[in-house]
Amino acid sequence: MMPKALLVCLTFFLMNAGSAAAKEPASQVFLNGVPTPVFFNDGDSFRVLEGPLKGTKARLAGFNTLESYGPVHQWGTWHAKELYAIAKMATLNARRGVWNCSSEMEKDTYGRVLFDCLDLAEDQIRKGLAHVMSVTTDPGHPRLVAAQKDAIENRAGMWAHGVPEFVLTSLHSIDERSNRAYAYNRLVSSIDGHSEKWMHKNKYTECQVVCEQNIEITDADLAQLRKTLLRDVNVKPILGGTSAQEVDHIIRMWLKTQTVAAIIEKRNIGVMKKALAALKSDGMTTASDGSCVVYVDFKRRFGGDKAKCLK
């Protein structure tokens, strides 16, 4: 059952969403030092309402709030609608503050200008309304990683009913584009915010629940797999200088997703994939659902024709 506080928050937000969006409640953000009114459409993006950048759509770098187009996230003992309420709370939290953001006007893959808003990011993360996210193998900003560690220890916000090893932030079905051999899902570490790409050829159906797997393996079995992998003469040059912890991460990512970890250079992926596929792990692991997301194609997320599971 959904906790009363979250239920009240979600009900209030949904009742006022229409009128609020129509009026576009302005929040003040200092953009490269200039006070500017913006409209937060969710907790990690906004649109500039006035000034030289009027109309600019911004994506805030370094962190991520949960999807707010419907109850699509689930992990631990959370109900999807409870995490949906937390996504809405992140939007309200962003709208109610005054923040400082800077940008060199670079854009993301969706054409949005990337802004760094460290004070907003830290506030959202410390309250458990967002998580640290780097789109590379690099960890997140140390200040944000520390804030997330504190939020997890205090079971704040999204961490109150479970802490997955990775947060599954986006899904892509193989049939979304006809010209590619693989699709990918993004996994973001709850420890340091780095990203992994879960490569696959899966075709997802609308409203299908997709979960990353928690893999349990004993230290002894993991050490045996590491020893076997490092004996491979083709792998030795690739993993030279790699720590045991990093090798274990590579093995765990393979067991979890059948994908070569992002720390391996692209030119070495083929060799590593062959070596990892040869590892004999039968009977060594147990799996359970970790972070889950409901798949809905972008075109079916909004408007009157949106997917049934989002209504």
C-alpha atoms as a PDB file:
ATOM      1  CA  MET A   1       0.000   0.000   0.000  1.00  0.00           C
ATOM      2  CA  MET A   2       1.239   3.496  -0.813  1.00  0.00           C
ATOM      3  CA  PRO A   3       2.271   5.542   2.272  1.00  0.00           C
ATOM      4  CA  LYS A   4      -0.218   8.315   3.043  1.00  0.00           C
ATOM      5  CA  ALA A   5       2.309  11.138   2.647  1.00  0.00           C
ATOM      6  CA  LEU A   6       3.293  10.037  -0.855  1.00  0.00           C
ATOM      7  CA  LEU A   7      -0.333   9.481  -1.821  1.00  0.00           C
ATOM      8  CA  VAL A   8      -1.278  12.999  -0.696  1.00  0.00           C
ATOM      9  CA  CYS A   9       1.702  14.478  -2.586  1.00  0.00           C
ATOM     10  CA  LEU A  10       0.870  12.625  -5.794  1.00  0.00           C
ATOM     11  CA  THR A  11      -2.834  13.535  -5.580  1.00  0.00           C
ATOM     12  CA  PHE A  12      -2.026  17.209  -5.001  1.00  0.00           C
ATOM     13  CA  PHE A  13       0.430  17.301  -7.893  1.00  0.00           C
ATOM     14  CA  LEU A  14      -1.909  15.628 -10.363  1.00  0.00           C
ATOM     15  CA  MET A  15      -4.855  17.837  -9.373  1.00  0.00           C
ATOM     16  CA  ASN A  16      -2.801  20.950  -9.995  1.00  0.00           C
ATOM     17  CA  ALA A  17      -0.667  19.791 -12.909  1.00  0.00           C
ATOM     18  CA  GLY A  18      -2.951  21.124 -15.617  1.00  0.00           C
ATOM     19  CA  SER A  19      -3.364  24.636 -14.249  1.00  0.00           C
ATOM     20  CA  ALA A  20       0.287  24.812 -13.200  1.00  0.00           C
ATOM     21  CA  ALA A  21       1.525  23.842 -16.647  1.00  0.00           C
ATOM     22  CA  ALA A  22      -0.850  26.333 -18.285  1.00  0.00           C
ATOM     23  CA  LYS A  23       0.500  29.189 -16.148  1.00  0.00           C
ATOM     24  CA  GLU A  24       4.100  27.927 -16.420  1.00  0.00           C
ATOM     25  CA  PRO A  25       5.171  28.782 -12.858  1.00  0.00           C
ATOM     26  CA  ALA A  26       8.485  30.591 -13.160  1.00  0.00           C
ATOM     27  CA  SER A  27      11.453  29.685 -11.012  1.00  0.00           C
ATOM     28  CA  GLN A  28      14.485  31.925 -10.705  1.00  0.00           C
ATOM     29  CA  VAL A  29      17.780  30.450 -11.870  1.00  0.00           C
ATOM     30  CA  PHE A  30      21.051  32.300 -12.285  1.00  0.00           C
ATOM     31  CA  LEU A  31      22.258  31.256 -15.749  1.00  0.00           C
ATOM     32  CA  ASN A  32      25.971  32.048 -16.002  1.00  0.00           C
ATOM     33  CA  GLY A  33      25.374  34.664 -13.312  1.00  0.00           C
ATOM     34  CA  VAL A  34      22.290  36.259 -14.897  1.00  0.00           C
ATOM     35  CA  PRO A  35      18.973  35.955 -12.972  1.00  0.00           C
ATOM     36  CA  THR A  36      16.559  34.305 -15.396  1.00  0.00           C
ATOM     37  CA  PRO A  37      12.998  32.930 -15.144  1.00  0.00           C
ATOM     38  CA  VAL A  38      12.704  29.279 -16.199  1.00  0.00           C
ATOM     39  CA  PHE A  39      10.023  26.591 -16.191  1.00  0.00           C
ATOM     40  CA  PHE A  40      10.948  23.212 -14.699  1.00  0.00           C
ATOM     41  CA  ASN A  41       9.002  20.529 -16.557  1.00  0.00           C
ATOM     42  CA  ASP A  42      10.660  17.928 -14.312  1.00  0.00           C
ATOM     43  CA  GLY A  43      13.375  17.762 -11.695  1.00  0.00           C
ATOM     44  CA  ASP A  44      16.383  17.765 -14.027  1.00  0.00           C
ATOM     45  CA  SER A  45      15.368  19.910 -17.003  1.00  0.00           C
ATOM     46  CA  PHE A  46      13.856  23.315 -17.703  1.00  0.00           C
ATOM     47  CA  ARG A  47      12.929  25.747 -20.439  1.00  0.00           C
ATOM     48  CA  VAL A  48      14.110  29.376 -20.370  1.00  0.00           C
ATOM     49  CA  LEU A  49      11.157  31.796 -20.325  1.00  0.00           C
ATOM     50  CA  GLU A  50      12.826  35.190 -20.823  1.00  0.00           C
ATOM     51  CA  GLY A  51      16.110  36.836 -21.770  1.00  0.00           C
ATOM     52  CA  PRO A  52      18.701  36.104 -24.495  1.00  0.00           C
ATOM     53  CA  LEU A  53      18.241  32.355 -24.070  1.00  0.00           C
ATOM     54  CA  LYS A  54      14.446  32.451 -24.210  1.00  0.00           C
ATOM     55  CA  GLY A  55      13.062  29.175 -25.502  1.00  0.00           C
ATOM     56  CA  THR A  56      16.235  27.217 -24.751  1.00  0.00           C
ATOM     57  CA  LYS A  57      15.572  23.703 -23.478  1.00  0.00           C
ATOM     58  CA  ALA A  58      18.069  22.686 -20.822  1.00  0.00           C
ATOM     59  CA  ARG A  59      19.161  19.302 -19.446  1.00  0.00           C
ATOM     60  CA  LEU A  60      20.969  19.452 -16.120  1.00  0.00           C
ATOM     61  CA  ALA A  61      24.140  17.382 -16.073  1.00  0.00           C
ATOM     62  CA  GLY A  62      25.513  15.169 -13.334  1.00  0.00           C
ATOM     63  CA  PHE A  63      22.283  13.818 -11.901  1.00  0.00           C
ATOM     64  CA  ASN A  64      18.994  12.267 -12.876  1.00  0.00           C
ATOM     65  CA  THR A  65      15.466  12.314 -11.511  1.00  0.00           C
ATOM     66  CA  LEU A  66      13.070   9.433 -12.099  1.00  0.00           C
ATOM     67  CA  GLU A  67      10.753   9.522 -15.115  1.00  0.00           C
ATOM     68  CA  SER A  68       7.699  11.687 -14.470  1.00  0.00           C
ATOM     69  CA  TYR A  69       5.527  10.672 -17.456  1.00  0.00           C
ATOM     70  CA  GLY A  70       4.051   7.735 -15.549  1.00  0.00           C
ATOM     71  CA  PRO A  71       4.577   5.050 -12.895  1.00  0.00           C
ATOM     72  CA  VAL A  72       7.384   3.199 -14.679  1.00  0.00           C
ATOM     73  CA  HIS A  73      10.148   2.685 -12.084  1.00  0.00           C
ATOM     74  CA  GLN A  74      10.198  -0.075  -9.510  1.00  0.00           C
ATOM     75  CA  TRP A  75      12.710  -1.748  -7.187  1.00  0.00           C
ATOM     76  CA  GLY A  76      12.884  -3.185  -3.700  1.00  0.00           C
ATOM     77  CA  THR A  77       9.507  -3.049  -1.962  1.00  0.00           C
ATOM     78  CA  TRP A  78       8.419   0.149  -3.719  1.00  0.00           C
ATOM     79  CA  HIS A  79       5.204   0.278  -5.736  1.00  0.00           C
ATOM     80  CA  ALA A  80       5.693   1.993  -9.114  1.00  0.00           C
ATOM     81  CA  LYS A  81       3.187   4.688  -8.139  1.00  0.00           C
ATOM     82  CA  GLU A  82       5.212   5.528  -5.046  1.00  0.00           C
ATOM     83  CA  LEU A  83       8.361   6.155  -7.083  1.00  0.00           C
ATOM     84  CA  TYR A  84       6.190   8.145  -9.510  1.00  0.00           C
ATOM     85  CA  ALA A  85       5.238  10.354  -6.572  1.00  0.00           C
ATOM     86  CA  ILE A  86       8.930  10.869  -5.786  1.00  0.00           C
ATOM     87  CA  ALA A  87       9.536  11.921  -9.393  1.00  0.00           C
ATOM     88  CA  LYS A  88       6.798  14.534  -9.006  1.00  0.00           C
ATOM     89  CA  MET A  89       8.255  15.688  -5.696  1.00  0.00           C
ATOM     90  CA  ALA A  90      11.575  16.281  -7.476  1.00  0.00           C
ATOM     91  CA  THR A  91       9.812  18.588  -9.940  1.00  0.00           C
ATOM     92  CA  LEU A  92       8.208  20.572  -7.119  1.00  0.00           C
ATOM     93  CA  ASN A  93      11.517  20.783  -5.263  1.00  0.00           C
ATOM     94  CA  ALA A  94      13.240  22.237  -8.327  1.00  0.00           C
ATOM     95  CA  ARG A  95      10.467  24.772  -8.906  1.00  0.00           C
ATOM     96  CA  ARG A  96      10.515  26.069  -5.338  1.00  0.00           C
ATOM     97  CA  GLY A  97      14.201  26.960  -5.108  1.00  0.00           C
ATOM     98  CA  VAL A  98      16.608  29.536  -6.487  1.00  0.00           C
ATOM     99  CA  TRP A  99      19.531  27.854  -8.218  1.00  0.00           C
ATOM    100  CA  ASN A 100      22.842  28.639  -9.868  1.00  0.00           C
ATOM    101  CA  CYS A 101      23.613  27.091 -13.254  1.00  0.00           C
ATOM    102  CA  SER A 102      26.423  27.452 -15.745  1.00  0.00           C
ATOM    103  CA  SER A 103      26.889  26.222 -19.298  1.00  0.00           C
ATOM    104  CA  GLU A 104      29.310  26.293 -22.201  1.00  0.00           C
ATOM    105  CA  MET A 105      26.242  25.784 -24.438  1.00  0.00           C
ATOM    106  CA  GLU A 106      27.090  22.215 -25.441  1.00  0.00           C
ATOM    107  CA  LYS A 107      24.098  20.041 -26.313  1.00  0.00           C
ATOM    108  CA  ASP A 108      23.023  16.491 -25.520  1.00  0.00           C
ATOM    109  CA  THR A 109      21.799  13.927 -28.070  1.00  0.00           C
ATOM    110  CA  TYR A 110      18.274  15.378 -27.833  1.00  0.00           C
ATOM    111  CA  GLY A 111      19.409  18.897 -28.712  1.00  0.00           C
ATOM    112  CA  ARG A 112      19.065  20.267 -25.187  1.00  0.00           C
ATOM    113  CA  VAL A 113      21.712  22.621 -23.816  1.00  0.00           C
ATOM    114  CA  LEU A 114      23.658  21.069 -20.941  1.00  0.00           C
ATOM    115  CA  PHE A 115      23.834  23.070 -17.711  1.00  0.00           C
ATOM    116  CA  ASP A 116      25.696  22.356 -14.477  1.00  0.00           C
ATOM    117  CA  CYS A 117      23.568  23.261 -11.452  1.00  0.00           C
ATOM    118  CA  LEU A 118      25.580  21.848  -8.573  1.00  0.00           C
ATOM    119  CA  ASP A 119      23.464  23.350  -5.793  1.00  0.00           C
ATOM    120  CA  LEU A 120      20.217  21.978  -7.254  1.00  0.00           C
ATOM    121  CA  ALA A 121      21.813  18.601  -7.974  1.00  0.00           C
ATOM    122  CA  GLU A 122      23.105  18.266  -4.421  1.00  0.00           C
ATOM    123  CA  ASP A 123      19.769  19.307  -2.926  1.00  0.00           C
ATOM    124  CA  GLN A 124      17.803  16.810  -5.037  1.00  0.00           C
ATOM    125  CA  ILE A 125      20.261  13.990  -4.326  1.00  0.00           C
ATOM    126  CA  ARG A 126      20.565  14.629  -0.592  1.00  0.00           C
ATOM    127  CA  LYS A 127      16.772  14.448  -0.280  1.00  0.00           C
ATOM    128  CA  GLY A 128      16.664  11.189  -2.245  1.00  0.00           C
ATOM    129  CA  LEU A 129      14.723  12.834  -5.074  1.00  0.00           C
ATOM    130  CA  ALA A 130      17.469  12.172  -7.643  1.00  0.00           C
ATOM    131  CA  HIS A 131      20.574  10.059  -8.115  1.00  0.00           C
ATOM    132  CA  VAL A 132      24.087  10.834  -9.335  1.00  0.00           C
ATOM    133  CA  MET A 133      24.566  10.119 -13.039  1.00  0.00           C
ATOM    134  CA  SER A 134      27.535  10.324 -15.349  1.00  0.00           C
ATOM    135  CA  VAL A 135      26.914   9.246 -18.952  1.00  0.00           C
ATOM    136  CA  THR A 136      30.459   7.844 -19.070  1.00  0.00           C
ATOM    137  CA  THR A 137      32.536   5.371 -17.056  1.00  0.00           C
ATOM    138  CA  ASP A 138      33.727   8.260 -14.876  1.00  0.00           C
ATOM    139  CA  PRO A 139      32.205   8.592 -11.402  1.00  0.00           C
ATOM    140  CA  GLY A 140      29.996  11.545 -10.606  1.00  0.00           C
ATOM    141  CA  HIS A 141      31.108  14.793  -8.959  1.00  0.00           C
ATOM    142  CA  PRO A 142      32.627  13.961  -5.524  1.00  0.00           C
ATOM    143  CA  ARG A 143      30.238  16.341  -3.787  1.00  0.00           C
ATOM    144  CA  LEU A 144      27.249  14.605  -5.370  1.00  0.00           C
ATOM    145  CA  VAL A 145      28.575  11.104  -4.671  1.00  0.00           C
ATOM    146  CA  ALA A 146      29.000  12.086  -1.007  1.00  0.00           C
ATOM    147  CA  ALA A 147      25.453  13.477  -0.899  1.00  0.00           C
ATOM    148  CA  GLN A 148      24.096  10.231  -2.343  1.00  0.00           C
ATOM    149  CA  LYS A 149      26.016   8.124   0.143  1.00  0.00           C
ATOM    150  CA  ASP A 150      24.437  10.182   2.922  1.00  0.00           C
ATOM    151  CA  ALA A 151      20.959   9.845   1.372  1.00  0.00           C
ATOM    152  CA  ILE A 152      21.329   6.044   1.099  1.00  0.00           C
ATOM    153  CA  GLU A 153      22.580   5.712   4.681  1.00  0.00           C
ATOM    154  CA  ASN A 154      19.561   7.699   5.868  1.00  0.00           C
ATOM    155  CA  ARG A 155      17.155   5.872   3.511  1.00  0.00           C
ATOM    156  CA  ALA A 156      15.983   9.213   2.123  1.00  0.00           C
ATOM    157  CA  GLY A 157      13.448   9.436  -0.701  1.00  0.00           C
ATOM    158  CA  MET A 158      13.899   6.800  -3.397  1.00  0.00           C
ATOM    159  CA  TRP A 159      16.265   4.768  -1.186  1.00  0.00           C
ATOM    160  CA  ALA A 160      13.730   4.172   1.608  1.00  0.00           C
ATOM    161  CA  HIS A 161      12.633   0.734   0.407  1.00  0.00           C
ATOM    162  CA  GLY A 162      15.665  -0.695  -1.343  1.00  0.00           C
ATOM    163  CA  VAL A 163      18.972   0.237  -2.949  1.00  0.00           C
ATOM    164  CA  PRO A 164      19.630  -1.472  -6.293  1.00  0.00           C
ATOM    165  CA  GLU A 165      23.207  -1.920  -7.459  1.00  0.00           C
ATOM    166  CA  PHE A 166      22.246   0.007 -10.612  1.00  0.00           C
ATOM    167  CA  VAL A 167      19.297   2.234 -11.455  1.00  0.00           C
ATOM    168  CA  LEU A 168      17.846   1.336 -14.838  1.00  0.00           C
ATOM    169  CA  THR A 169      17.212   4.787 -16.318  1.00  0.00           C
ATOM    170  CA  SER A 170      16.275   4.174 -19.943  1.00  0.00           C
ATOM    171  CA  LEU A 171      15.077   1.367 -22.205  1.00  0.00           C
ATOM    172  CA  HIS A 172      15.386   1.002 -25.954  1.00  0.00           C
ATOM    173  CA  SER A 173      13.751  -1.731 -28.005  1.00  0.00           C
ATOM    174  CA  ILE A 174      15.657  -3.100 -31.000  1.00  0.00           C
ATOM    175  CA  ASP A 175      12.790  -2.180 -33.333  1.00  0.00           C
ATOM    176  CA  GLU A 176      12.907   1.538 -32.491  1.00  0.00           C
ATOM    177  CA  ARG A 177      15.422   1.934 -35.312  1.00  0.00           C
ATOM    178  CA  SER A 178      15.754  -0.348 -38.284  1.00  0.00           C
ATOM    179  CA  ASN A 179      19.385   0.503 -39.072  1.00  0.00           C
ATOM    180  CA  ARG A 180      21.158  -0.793 -36.000  1.00  0.00           C
ATOM    181  CA  ALA A 181      22.330  -4.221 -34.901  1.00  0.00           C
ATOM    182  CA  TYR A 182      21.962  -3.566 -31.157  1.00  0.00           C
ATOM    183  CA  ALA A 183      19.877  -1.500 -28.784  1.00  0.00           C
ATOM    184  CA  TYR A 184      20.998  -0.460 -25.314  1.00  0.00           C
ATOM    185  CA  ASN A 185      19.577   0.209 -21.876  1.00  0.00           C
ATOM    186  CA  ARG A 186      21.381   2.579 -19.516  1.00  0.00           C
ATOM    187  CA  LEU A 187      22.395   1.344 -16.070  1.00  0.00           C
ATOM    188  CA  VAL A 188      23.654   3.909 -13.538  1.00  0.00           C
ATOM    189  CA  SER A 189      25.664   2.841 -10.498  1.00  0.00           C
ATOM    190  CA  SER A 190      24.107   3.702  -7.147  1.00  0.00           C
ATOM    191  CA  ILE A 191      27.617   3.771  -5.665  1.00  0.00           C
ATOM    192  CA  ASP A 192      29.422   6.331  -7.840  1.00  0.00           C
ATOM    193  CA  GLY A 193      26.998   7.298 -10.636  1.00  0.00           C
ATOM    194  CA  HIS A 194      28.986   5.896 -13.564  1.00  0.00           C
ATOM    195  CA  SER A 195      27.035   4.467 -16.510  1.00  0.00           C
ATOM    196  CA  GLU A 196      27.049   1.060 -18.138  1.00  0.00           C
ATOM    197  CA  LYS A 197      25.359   0.230 -21.436  1.00  0.00           C
ATOM    198  CA  TRP A 198      23.389  -3.003 -21.409  1.00  0.00           C
ATOM    199  CA  MET A 199      23.646  -4.002 -25.075  1.00  0.00           C
ATOM    200  CA  HIS A 200      20.932  -6.300 -26.429  1.00  0.00           C
ATOM    201  CA  LYS A 201      18.782  -7.357 -29.380  1.00  0.00           C
ATOM    202  CA  ASN A 202      15.516  -7.550 -27.444  1.00  0.00           C
ATOM    203  CA  LYS A 203      12.213  -6.380 -28.860  1.00  0.00           C
ATOM    204  CA  TYR A 204      10.056  -5.001 -26.075  1.00  0.00           C
ATOM    205  CA  THR A 205       6.276  -4.819 -26.133  1.00  0.00           C
ATOM    206  CA  GLU A 206       4.371  -1.799 -24.850  1.00  0.00           C
ATOM    207  CA  CYS A 207       4.061  -1.807 -21.058  1.00  0.00           C
ATOM    208  CA  GLN A 208       6.488  -4.718 -20.686  1.00  0.00           C
ATOM    209  CA  VAL A 209       8.384  -4.661 -17.384  1.00  0.00           C
ATOM    210  CA  VAL A 210      12.149  -4.981 -17.925  1.00  0.00           C
ATOM    211  CA  CYS A 211      14.501  -5.564 -14.986  1.00  0.00           C
ATOM    212  CA  GLU A 212      18.236  -5.637 -14.522  1.00  0.00           C
ATOM    213  CA  GLN A 213      19.324  -8.638 -12.499  1.00  0.00           C
ATOM    214  CA  ASN A 214      20.995  -8.702  -9.108  1.00  0.00           C
ATOM    215  CA  ILE A 215      23.638 -11.433  -9.339  1.00  0.00           C
ATOM    216  CA  GLU A 216      24.749 -13.215  -6.185  1.00  0.00           C
ATOM    217  CA  ILE A 217      28.057 -15.091  -6.324  1.00  0.00           C
ATOM    218  CA  THR A 218      30.437 -16.136  -3.553  1.00  0.00           C
ATOM    219  CA  ASP A 219      33.840 -14.492  -3.236  1.00  0.00           C
ATOM    220  CA  ALA A 220      35.480 -17.863  -3.822  1.00  0.00           C
ATOM    221  CA  ASP A 221      33.581 -18.504  -7.059  1.00  0.00           C
ATOM    222  CA  LEU A 222      34.233 -14.969  -8.286  1.00  0.00           C
ATOM    223  CA  ALA A 223      37.934 -15.406  -7.555  1.00  0.00           C
ATOM    224  CA  GLN A 224      37.936 -18.647  -9.546  1.00  0.00           C
ATOM    225  CA  LEU A 225      36.341 -16.901 -12.556  1.00  0.00           C
ATOM    226  CA  ARG A 226      38.855 -14.085 -12.269  1.00  0.00           C
ATOM    227  CA  LYS A 227      41.741 -16.549 -12.221  1.00  0.00           C
ATOM    228  CA  THR A 228      40.390 -18.315 -15.294  1.00  0.00           C
ATOM    229  CA  LEU A 229      39.877 -15.065 -17.189  1.00  0.00           C
ATOM    230  CA  LEU A 230      43.362 -13.775 -16.419  1.00  0.00           C
ATOM    231  CA  ARG A 231      44.892 -17.015 -17.692  1.00  0.00           C
ATOM    232  CA  ASP A 232      43.556 -16.302 -21.193  1.00  0.00           C
ATOM    233  CA  VAL A 233      46.578 -15.277 -23.278  1.00  0.00           C
ATOM    234  CA  ASN A 234      44.438 -12.966 -25.421  1.00  0.00           C
ATOM    235  CA  VAL A 235      43.048 -11.174 -22.384  1.00  0.00           C
ATOM    236  CA  LYS A 236      46.306 -10.615 -20.494  1.00  0.00           C
ATOM    237  CA  PRO A 237      47.430  -7.622 -22.623  1.00  0.00           C
ATOM    238  CA  ILE A 238      43.995  -6.000 -22.270  1.00  0.00           C
ATOM    239  CA  LEU A 239      43.751  -6.372 -18.498  1.00  0.00           C
ATOM    240  CA  GLY A 240      47.373  -5.586 -17.719  1.00  0.00           C
ATOM    241  CA  GLY A 241      47.419  -3.108 -14.836  1.00  0.00           C
ATOM    242  CA  THR A 242      43.716  -3.675 -14.104  1.00  0.00           C
ATOM    243  CA  SER A 243      42.908  -4.175 -10.425  1.00  0.00           C
ATOM    244  CA  ALA A 244      41.209  -7.300  -9.089  1.00  0.00           C
ATOM    245  CA  GLN A 245      38.216  -5.138  -8.204  1.00  0.00           C
ATOM    246  CA  GLU A 246      37.925  -3.920 -11.800  1.00  0.00           C
ATOM    247  CA  VAL A 247      38.232  -7.458 -13.169  1.00  0.00           C
ATOM    248  CA  ASP A 248      35.476  -8.573 -10.780  1.00  0.00           C
ATOM    249  CA  HIS A 249      33.316  -5.715 -12.038  1.00  0.00           C
ATOM    250  CA  ILE A 250      33.872  -6.848 -15.642  1.00  0.00           C
ATOM    251  CA  ILE A 251      32.817 -10.386 -14.719  1.00  0.00           C
ATOM    252  CA  ARG A 252      29.775  -9.210 -12.756  1.00  0.00           C
ATOM    253  CA  MET A 253      28.588  -7.010 -15.621  1.00  0.00           C
ATOM    254  CA  TRP A 254      28.888  -9.958 -17.988  1.00  0.00           C
ATOM    255  CA  LEU A 255      26.910 -12.226 -15.638  1.00  0.00           C
ATOM    256  CA  LYS A 256      24.289  -9.504 -15.214  1.00  0.00           C
ATOM    257  CA  THR A 257      23.788  -8.366 -18.815  1.00  0.00           C
ATOM    258  CA  GLN A 258      25.955 -10.465 -21.158  1.00  0.00           C
ATOM    259  CA  THR A 259      27.610  -7.158 -22.027  1.00  0.00           C
ATOM    260  CA  VAL A 260      31.285  -6.202 -21.837  1.00  0.00           C
ATOM    261  CA  ALA A 261      31.778  -3.539 -19.156  1.00  0.00           C
ATOM    262  CA  ALA A 262      32.228   0.028 -20.328  1.00  0.00           C
ATOM    263  CA  ILE A 263      35.781   0.293 -18.953  1.00  0.00           C
ATOM    264  CA  ILE A 264      36.974  -1.969 -21.798  1.00  0.00           C
ATOM    265  CA  GLU A 265      38.045  -0.021 -24.879  1.00  0.00           C
ATOM    266  CA  LYS A 266      35.884  -0.503 -27.936  1.00  0.00           C
ATOM    267  CA  ARG A 267      38.703  -2.097 -29.957  1.00  0.00           C
ATOM    268  CA  ASN A 268      39.032  -4.865 -27.321  1.00  0.00           C
ATOM    269  CA  ILE A 269      35.360  -5.689 -26.879  1.00  0.00           C
ATOM    270  CA  GLY A 270      35.344  -8.612 -29.317  1.00  0.00           C
ATOM    271  CA  VAL A 271      38.232 -10.386 -27.588  1.00  0.00           C
ATOM    272  CA  MET A 272      36.783  -9.768 -24.129  1.00  0.00           C
ATOM    273  CA  LYS A 273      33.331 -10.946 -25.159  1.00  0.00           C
ATOM    274  CA  LYS A 274      34.734 -14.237 -26.431  1.00  0.00           C
ATOM    275  CA  ALA A 275      36.743 -14.784 -23.236  1.00  0.00           C
ATOM    276  CA  LEU A 276      33.846 -13.923 -20.927  1.00  0.00           C
ATOM    277  CA  ALA A 277      31.452 -16.151 -22.863  1.00  0.00           C
ATOM    278  CA  ALA A 278      33.858 -19.056 -22.310  1.00  0.00           C
ATOM    279  CA  LEU A 279      33.706 -18.743 -18.508  1.00  0.00           C
ATOM    280  CA  LYS A 280      31.924 -21.642 -16.824  1.00  0.00           C
ATOM    281  CA  SER A 281      29.650 -20.123 -14.158  1.00  0.00           C
ATOM    282  CA  ASP A 282      26.866 -22.722 -14.093  1.00  0.00           C
ATOM    283  CA  GLY A 283      25.686 -23.272 -10.538  1.00  0.00           C
ATOM    284  CA  MET A 284      27.752 -20.376  -9.184  1.00  0.00           C
ATOM    285  CA  THR A 285      25.132 -17.637  -9.323  1.00  0.00           C
ATOM    286  CA  THR A 286      21.610 -16.805  -8.262  1.00  0.00           C
ATOM    287  CA  ALA A 287      19.649 -13.961  -9.817  1.00  0.00           C
ATOM    288  CA  SER A 288      16.810 -11.726  -8.665  1.00  0.00           C
ATOM    289  CA  ASP A 289      15.128  -8.629 -10.059  1.00  0.00           C
ATOM    290  CA  GLY A 290      16.915  -5.386  -9.290  1.00  0.00           C
ATOM    291  CA  SER A 291      15.837  -2.062 -10.801  1.00  0.00           C
ATOM    292  CA  CYS A 292      12.893  -2.331 -13.212  1.00  0.00           C
ATOM    293  CA  VAL A 293      11.302  -0.004 -15.786  1.00  0.00           C
ATOM    294  CA  VAL A 294       8.087  -0.286 -17.778  1.00  0.00           C
ATOM    295  CA  TYR A 295       8.843   0.021 -21.500  1.00  0.00           C
ATOM    296  CA  VAL A 296       6.860   2.610 -23.451  1.00  0.00           C
ATOM    297  CA  ASP A 297       8.049   4.055 -26.760  1.00  0.00           C
ATOM    298  CA  PHE A 298       8.639   7.822 -26.617  1.00  0.00           C
ATOM    299  CA  LYS A 299       5.767   8.508 -29.019  1.00  0.00           C
ATOM    300  CA  ARG A 300       3.319   6.825 -26.632  1.00  0.00           C
ATOM    301  CA  ARG A 301       4.335   8.567 -23.408  1.00  0.00           C
ATOM    302  CA  PHE A 302       2.317  11.769 -23.682  1.00  0.00           C
ATOM    303  CA  GLY A 303      -1.022  13.108 -24.884  1.00  0.00           C
ATOM    304  CA  GLY A 304      -4.422  11.506 -25.218  1.00  0.00           C
ATOM    305  CA  ASP A 305      -3.037   8.475 -27.026  1.00  0.00           C
ATOM    306  CA  LYS A 306      -0.489   7.518 -24.396  1.00  0.00           C
ATOM    307  CA  ALA A 307      -0.024   3.915 -23.342  1.00  0.00           C
ATOM    308  CA  LYS A 308      -2.645   2.390 -21.081  1.00  0.00           C
ATOM    309  CA  CYS A 309      -0.145   1.572 -18.334  1.00  0.00           C
ATOM    310  CA  LEU A 310       0.649   5.288 -17.967  1.00  0.00           C
ATOM    311  CA  LYS A 311      -2.947   6.368 -17.397  1.00  0.00           C
END
